Each structure stands twice: as C-alpha cells, then as structure tokens.
C-alpha cells in the first residue's frame, strides 16, 4: 500500500483510482486474484509503475560487500 500511496502523492493516481486499486488488492486472496483486476485499473497501475520506475532495482547489478 505504501507504493500506492506514493503514486497518489505524486499525482500518478487519482484519489478514486487509489481507493479502487487499494480495495481490489485488499480483497484479493491470491496473486491470481490481483491479476484479475479490471483492465482499466490494471493499465493505470502499470503506467504509474513505469513512471515511478518501480523495477529500477531489478535492472541494477547486485552490490557485493568488499
């Protein structure tokens, strides 16, 4: 939910979208249930994720301690 809050705070989601996505995720019992989110909400969440560069950590090489 912290990421959703940040998306709303950065104006990447409206208050209504934030509430709808938050409600969907809260009631979903499995990852498959989350993936069954209505397409319009899913696209909105996906776009906000891209704009925030949520996957940036996955593209960086691991840091190893000396």
PDB file of N, CA and C in Angstrom:
ATOM      1  N   UNK A   1       0.818  -1.189   0.000  1.00  0.00           N
ATOM      2  CA  UNK A   1       0.000   0.000   0.000  1.00  0.00           C
ATOM      3  C   UNK A   1       0.869   1.263   0.000  1.00  0.00           C
ATOM      4  N   UNK A   2       2.059   1.173   0.520  1.00  0.00           N
ATOM      5  CA  UNK A   2       2.943   2.332   0.547  1.00  0.00           C
ATOM      6  C   UNK A   2       3.218   2.826  -0.872  1.00  0.00           C
ATOM      7  N   UNK A   3       3.436   1.908  -1.799  1.00  0.00           N
ATOM      8  CA  UNK A   3       3.698   2.297  -3.177  1.00  0.00           C
ATOM      9  C   UNK A   3       2.470   2.971  -3.782  1.00  0.00           C
ATOM     10  N   UNK A   4       1.283   2.454  -3.492  1.00  0.00           N
ATOM     11  CA  UNK A   4       0.057   3.098  -3.978  1.00  0.00           C
ATOM     12  C   UNK A   4      -0.071   4.505  -3.417  1.00  0.00           C
ATOM     13  N   UNK A   5       0.242   4.655  -2.145  1.00  0.00           N
ATOM     14  CA  UNK A   5       0.184   5.980  -1.523  1.00  0.00           C
ATOM     15  C   UNK A   5       1.152   6.939  -2.211  1.00  0.00           C
ATOM     16  N   UNK A   6       2.341   6.445  -2.519  1.00  0.00           N
ATOM     17  CA  UNK A   6       3.331   7.280  -3.189  1.00  0.00           C
ATOM     18  C   UNK A   6       2.868   7.656  -4.595  1.00  0.00           C
ATOM     19  N   UNK A   7       2.233   6.716  -5.284  1.00  0.00           N
ATOM     20  CA  UNK A   7       1.705   7.011  -6.618  1.00  0.00           C
ATOM     21  C   UNK A   7       0.648   8.117  -6.539  1.00  0.00           C
ATOM     22  N   UNK A   8      -0.206   8.049  -5.537  1.00  0.00           N
ATOM     23  CA  UNK A   8      -1.223   9.084  -5.350  1.00  0.00           C
ATOM     24  C   UNK A   8      -0.564  10.420  -5.005  1.00  0.00           C
ATOM     25  N   UNK A   9       0.408  10.383  -4.099  1.00  0.00           N
ATOM     26  CA  UNK A   9       1.084  11.608  -3.677  1.00  0.00           C
ATOM     27  C   UNK A   9       1.813  12.291  -4.830  1.00  0.00           C
ATOM     28  N   UNK A  10       2.291  11.499  -5.792  1.00  0.00           N
ATOM     29  CA  UNK A  10       2.983  12.052  -6.966  1.00  0.00           C
ATOM     30  C   UNK A  10       2.005  12.397  -8.092  1.00  0.00           C
ATOM     31  N   UNK A  11       0.712  12.293  -7.791  1.00  0.00           N
ATOM     32  CA  UNK A  11      -0.358  12.600  -8.763  1.00  0.00           C
ATOM     33  C   UNK A  11      -0.338  11.666  -9.975  1.00  0.00           C
ATOM     34  N   UNK A  12       0.146  10.436  -9.774  1.00  0.00           N
ATOM     35  CA  UNK A  12       0.117   9.426 -10.826  1.00  0.00           C
ATOM     36  C   UNK A  12      -1.174   8.625 -10.778  1.00  0.00           C
ATOM     37  N   UNK A  13      -1.858   8.669  -9.642  1.00  0.00           N
ATOM     38  CA  UNK A  13      -3.177   8.076  -9.459  1.00  0.00           C
ATOM     39  C   UNK A  13      -4.082   9.137  -8.856  1.00  0.00           C
ATOM     40  N   UNK A  14      -5.347   9.123  -9.261  1.00  0.00           N
ATOM     41  CA  UNK A  14      -6.311   9.992  -8.605  1.00  0.00           C
ATOM     42  C   UNK A  14      -6.694   9.348  -7.270  1.00  0.00           C
ATOM     43  N   UNK A  15      -7.343  10.117  -6.424  1.00  0.00           N
ATOM     44  CA  UNK A  15      -7.810   9.569  -5.143  1.00  0.00           C
ATOM     45  C   UNK A  15      -8.771   8.407  -5.395  1.00  0.00           C
ATOM     46  N   UNK A  16      -9.602   8.535  -6.420  1.00  0.00           N
ATOM     47  CA  UNK A  16     -10.557   7.471  -6.746  1.00  0.00           C
ATOM     48  C   UNK A  16      -9.836   6.206  -7.221  1.00  0.00           C
ATOM     49  N   UNK A  17      -8.853   6.359  -8.117  1.00  0.00           N
ATOM     50  CA  UNK A  17      -8.085   5.206  -8.599  1.00  0.00           C
ATOM     51  C   UNK A  17      -7.349   4.546  -7.439  1.00  0.00           C
ATOM     52  N   UNK A  18      -6.753   5.353  -6.575  1.00  0.00           N
ATOM     53  CA  UNK A  18      -6.040   4.834  -5.404  1.00  0.00           C
ATOM     54  C   UNK A  18      -6.981   3.988  -4.557  1.00  0.00           C
ATOM     55  N   UNK A  19      -8.178   4.504  -4.308  1.00  0.00           N
ATOM     56  CA  UNK A  19      -9.151   3.778  -3.485  1.00  0.00           C
ATOM     57  C   UNK A  19      -9.596   2.483  -4.162  1.00  0.00           C
ATOM     58  N   UNK A  20      -9.874   2.546  -5.466  1.00  0.00           N
ATOM     59  CA  UNK A  20     -10.327   1.355  -6.188  1.00  0.00           C
ATOM     60  C   UNK A  20      -9.251   0.278  -6.239  1.00  0.00           C
ATOM     61  N   UNK A  21      -8.033   0.660  -6.547  1.00  0.00           N
ATOM     62  CA  UNK A  21      -6.931  -0.318  -6.606  1.00  0.00           C
ATOM     63  C   UNK A  21      -6.654  -0.866  -5.215  1.00  0.00           C
ATOM     64  N   UNK A  22      -6.617   0.008  -4.220  1.00  0.00           N
ATOM     65  CA  UNK A  22      -6.397  -0.441  -2.844  1.00  0.00           C
ATOM     66  C   UNK A  22      -7.452  -1.424  -2.383  1.00  0.00           C
ATOM     67  N   UNK A  23      -8.706  -1.147  -2.715  1.00  0.00           N
ATOM     68  CA  UNK A  23      -9.800  -2.057  -2.332  1.00  0.00           C
ATOM     69  C   UNK A  23      -9.655  -3.399  -3.041  1.00  0.00           C
ATOM     70  N   UNK A  24      -9.297  -3.364  -4.317  1.00  0.00           N
ATOM     71  CA  UNK A  24      -9.136  -4.612  -5.072  1.00  0.00           C
ATOM     72  C   UNK A  24      -8.022  -5.468  -4.463  1.00  0.00           C
ATOM     73  N   UNK A  25      -6.885  -4.849  -4.216  1.00  0.00           N
ATOM     74  CA  UNK A  25      -5.733  -5.580  -3.676  1.00  0.00           C
ATOM     75  C   UNK A  25      -6.047  -6.110  -2.273  1.00  0.00           C
ATOM     76  N   UNK A  26      -6.754  -5.332  -1.482  1.00  0.00           N
ATOM     77  CA  UNK A  26      -7.082  -5.749  -0.111  1.00  0.00           C
ATOM     78  C   UNK A  26      -7.989  -6.975  -0.083  1.00  0.00           C
ATOM     79  N   UNK A  27      -8.902  -7.069  -1.038  1.00  0.00           N
ATOM     80  CA  UNK A  27      -9.833  -8.202  -1.028  1.00  0.00           C
ATOM     81  C   UNK A  27      -9.279  -9.415  -1.763  1.00  0.00           C
ATOM     82  N   UNK A  28      -8.253  -9.223  -2.563  1.00  0.00           N
ATOM     83  CA  UNK A  28      -7.676 -10.334  -3.326  1.00  0.00           C
ATOM     84  C   UNK A  28      -6.945 -11.280  -2.384  1.00  0.00           C
ATOM     85  N   UNK A  29      -7.221 -12.541  -2.525  1.00  0.00           N
ATOM     86  CA  UNK A  29      -6.613 -13.545  -1.647  1.00  0.00           C
ATOM     87  C   UNK A  29      -5.361 -14.191  -2.236  1.00  0.00           C
ATOM     88  N   UNK A  30      -5.182 -14.037  -3.541  1.00  0.00           N
ATOM     89  CA  UNK A  30      -4.047 -14.680  -4.217  1.00  0.00           C
ATOM     90  C   UNK A  30      -3.466 -13.723  -5.263  1.00  0.00           C
ATOM     91  N   UNK A  31      -2.242 -13.977  -5.691  1.00  0.00           N
ATOM     92  CA  UNK A  31      -1.688 -13.167  -6.791  1.00  0.00           C
ATOM     93  C   UNK A  31      -2.557 -13.232  -8.047  1.00  0.00           C
ATOM     94  N   UNK A  32      -3.140 -14.403  -8.334  1.00  0.00           N
ATOM     95  CA  UNK A  32      -4.017 -14.526  -9.500  1.00  0.00           C
ATOM     96  C   UNK A  32      -5.237 -13.627  -9.365  1.00  0.00           C
ATOM     97  N   UNK A  33      -5.742 -13.467  -8.154  1.00  0.00           N
ATOM     98  CA  UNK A  33      -6.890 -12.583  -7.929  1.00  0.00           C
ATOM     99  C   UNK A  33      -6.497 -11.128  -8.185  1.00  0.00           C
ATOM    100  N   UNK A  34      -5.285 -10.756  -7.805  1.00  0.00           N
ATOM    101  CA  UNK A  34      -4.813  -9.393  -8.085  1.00  0.00           C
ATOM    102  C   UNK A  34      -4.710  -9.194  -9.596  1.00  0.00           C
ATOM    103  N   UNK A  35      -4.198 -10.199 -10.300  1.00  0.00           N
ATOM    104  CA  UNK A  35      -4.049 -10.101 -11.753  1.00  0.00           C
ATOM    105  C   UNK A  35      -5.392 -10.031 -12.474  1.00  0.00           C
ATOM    106  N   UNK A  36      -6.475 -10.405 -11.801  1.00  0.00           N
ATOM    107  CA  UNK A  36      -7.811 -10.342 -12.391  1.00  0.00           C
ATOM    108  C   UNK A  36      -8.438  -8.953 -12.229  1.00  0.00           C
ATOM    109  N   UNK A  37      -7.647  -7.982 -11.794  1.00  0.00           N
ATOM    110  CA  UNK A  37      -8.115  -6.608 -11.638  1.00  0.00           C
ATOM    111  C   UNK A  37      -8.683  -6.133 -12.975  1.00  0.00           C
ATOM    112  N   UNK A  38      -9.738  -5.325 -12.941  1.00  0.00           N
ATOM    113  CA  UNK A  38     -10.287  -4.803 -14.196  1.00  0.00           C
ATOM    114  C   UNK A  38      -9.199  -4.123 -15.037  1.00  0.00           C
ATOM    115  N   UNK A  39      -9.300  -4.303 -16.353  1.00  0.00           N
ATOM    116  CA  UNK A  39      -8.244  -3.861 -17.264  1.00  0.00           C
ATOM    117  C   UNK A  39      -7.917  -2.374 -17.134  1.00  0.00           C
ATOM    118  N   UNK A  40      -8.920  -1.544 -16.981  1.00  0.00           N
ATOM    119  CA  UNK A  40      -8.666  -0.098 -16.885  1.00  0.00           C
ATOM    120  C   UNK A  40      -7.837   0.228 -15.647  1.00  0.00           C
ATOM    121  N   UNK A  41      -8.135  -0.413 -14.532  1.00  0.00           N
ATOM    122  CA  UNK A  41      -7.347  -0.184 -13.312  1.00  0.00           C
ATOM    123  C   UNK A  41      -5.939  -0.731 -13.478  1.00  0.00           C
ATOM    124  N   UNK A  42      -5.841  -1.898 -14.094  1.00  0.00           N
ATOM    125  CA  UNK A  42      -4.524  -2.522 -14.295  1.00  0.00           C
ATOM    126  C   UNK A  42      -3.633  -1.633 -15.159  1.00  0.00           C
ATOM    127  N   UNK A  43      -4.184  -1.069 -16.243  1.00  0.00           N
ATOM    128  CA  UNK A  43      -3.399  -0.182 -17.109  1.00  0.00           C
ATOM    129  C   UNK A  43      -2.940   1.063 -16.359  1.00  0.00           C
ATOM    130  N   UNK A  44      -3.822   1.604 -15.521  1.00  0.00           N
ATOM    131  CA  UNK A  44      -3.480   2.790 -14.732  1.00  0.00           C
ATOM    132  C   UNK A  44      -2.343   2.473 -13.766  1.00  0.00           C
ATOM    133  N   UNK A  45      -2.435   1.345 -13.098  1.00  0.00           N
ATOM    134  CA  UNK A  45      -1.398   0.924 -12.159  1.00  0.00           C
ATOM    135  C   UNK A  45      -0.078   0.660 -12.887  1.00  0.00           C
ATOM    136  N   UNK A  46      -0.167   0.023 -14.033  1.00  0.00           N
ATOM    137  CA  UNK A  46       1.030  -0.277 -14.818  1.00  0.00           C
ATOM    138  C   UNK A  46       1.726   1.007 -15.279  1.00  0.00           C
ATOM    139  N   UNK A  47       0.966   1.970 -15.762  1.00  0.00           N
ATOM    140  CA  UNK A  47       1.545   3.238 -16.202  1.00  0.00           C
ATOM    141  C   UNK A  47       2.205   3.973 -15.036  1.00  0.00           C
ATOM    142  N   UNK A  48       1.536   4.018 -13.896  1.00  0.00           N
ATOM    143  CA  UNK A  48       2.115   4.673 -12.717  1.00  0.00           C
ATOM    144  C   UNK A  48       3.409   3.975 -12.304  1.00  0.00           C
ATOM    145  N   UNK A  49       3.440   2.659 -12.399  1.00  0.00           N
ATOM    146  CA  UNK A  49       4.650   1.894 -12.056  1.00  0.00           C
ATOM    147  C   UNK A  49       5.805   2.239 -12.981  1.00  0.00           C
ATOM    148  N   UNK A  50       5.513   2.376 -14.277  1.00  0.00           N
ATOM    149  CA  UNK A  50       6.552   2.735 -15.248  1.00  0.00           C
ATOM    150  C   UNK A  50       7.054   4.151 -14.960  1.00  0.00           C
ATOM    151  N   UNK A  51       6.148   5.072 -14.718  1.00  0.00           N
ATOM    152  CA  UNK A  51       6.544   6.454 -14.465  1.00  0.00           C
ATOM    153  C   UNK A  51       7.373   6.596 -13.189  1.00  0.00           C
ATOM    154  N   UNK A  52       7.119   5.725 -12.214  1.00  0.00           N
ATOM    155  CA  UNK A  52       7.911   5.739 -10.974  1.00  0.00           C
ATOM    156  C   UNK A  52       9.183   4.914 -11.100  1.00  0.00           C
ATOM    157  N   UNK A  53       9.315   4.160 -12.184  1.00  0.00           N
ATOM    158  CA  UNK A  53      10.456   3.270 -12.402  1.00  0.00           C
ATOM    159  C   UNK A  53      10.589   2.270 -11.251  1.00  0.00           C
ATOM    160  N   UNK A  54       9.469   1.640 -10.937  1.00  0.00           N
ATOM    161  CA  UNK A  54       9.404   0.694  -9.823  1.00  0.00           C
ATOM    162  C   UNK A  54      10.387  -0.459  -9.993  1.00  0.00           C
ATOM    163  N   UNK A  55      10.638  -0.875 -11.226  1.00  0.00           N
ATOM    164  CA  UNK A  55      11.523  -2.022 -11.479  1.00  0.00           C
ATOM    165  C   UNK A  55      13.000  -1.660 -11.566  1.00  0.00           C
ATOM    166  N   UNK A  56      13.371  -0.443 -11.235  1.00  0.00           N
ATOM    167  CA  UNK A  56      14.759   0.004 -11.367  1.00  0.00           C
ATOM    168  C   UNK A  56      15.727  -0.899 -10.611  1.00  0.00           C
ATOM    169  N   UNK A  57      15.354  -1.324  -9.421  1.00  0.00           N
ATOM    170  CA  UNK A  57      16.251  -2.178  -8.621  1.00  0.00           C
ATOM    171  C   UNK A  57      16.530  -3.516  -9.305  1.00  0.00           C
ATOM    172  N   UNK A  58      15.598  -3.985 -10.105  1.00  0.00           N
ATOM    173  CA  UNK A  58      15.780  -5.273 -10.769  1.00  0.00           C
ATOM    174  C   UNK A  58      16.783  -5.194 -11.915  1.00  0.00           C
ATOM    175  N   UNK A  59      17.011  -3.982 -12.427  1.00  0.00           N
ATOM    176  CA  UNK A  59      17.948  -3.813 -13.548  1.00  0.00           C
ATOM    177  C   UNK A  59      19.361  -3.492 -13.113  1.00  0.00           C
ATOM    178  N   UNK A  60      19.555  -3.204 -11.853  1.00  0.00           N
ATOM    179  CA  UNK A  60      20.900  -2.866 -11.357  1.00  0.00           C
ATOM    180  C   UNK A  60      21.654  -4.138 -10.996  1.00  0.00           C
ATOM    181  N   UNK A  61      22.955  -4.160 -11.276  1.00  0.00           N
ATOM    182  CA  UNK A  61      23.730  -5.323 -10.834  1.00  0.00           C
ATOM    183  C   UNK A  61      23.807  -5.342  -9.308  1.00  0.00           C
ATOM    184  N   UNK A  62      23.881  -6.516  -8.730  1.00  0.00           N
ATOM    185  CA  UNK A  62      23.951  -6.599  -7.260  1.00  0.00           C
ATOM    186  C   UNK A  62      25.225  -5.961  -6.728  1.00  0.00           C
ATOM    187  N   UNK A  63      25.113  -5.369  -5.564  1.00  0.00           N
ATOM    188  CA  UNK A  63      26.286  -4.793  -4.895  1.00  0.00           C
ATOM    189  C   UNK A  63      26.850  -5.840  -3.939  1.00  0.00           C
ATOM    190  N   UNK A  64      28.126  -6.103  -4.069  1.00  0.00           N
ATOM    191  CA  UNK A  64      28.778  -7.080  -3.214  1.00  0.00           C
ATOM    192  C   UNK A  64      29.680  -6.354  -2.232  1.00  0.00           C
ATOM    193  N   UNK A  65      29.629  -6.770  -0.989  1.00  0.00           N
ATOM    194  CA  UNK A  65      30.490  -6.177   0.022  1.00  0.00           C
ATOM    195  C   UNK A  65      31.941  -6.574  -0.249  1.00  0.00           C
ATOM    196  N   UNK A  66      32.858  -5.670   0.027  1.00  0.00           N
ATOM    197  CA  UNK A  66      34.280  -5.949  -0.230  1.00  0.00           C
ATOM    198  C   UNK A  66      34.835  -6.957   0.729  1.00  0.00           C
TER     199      UNK A  66
END
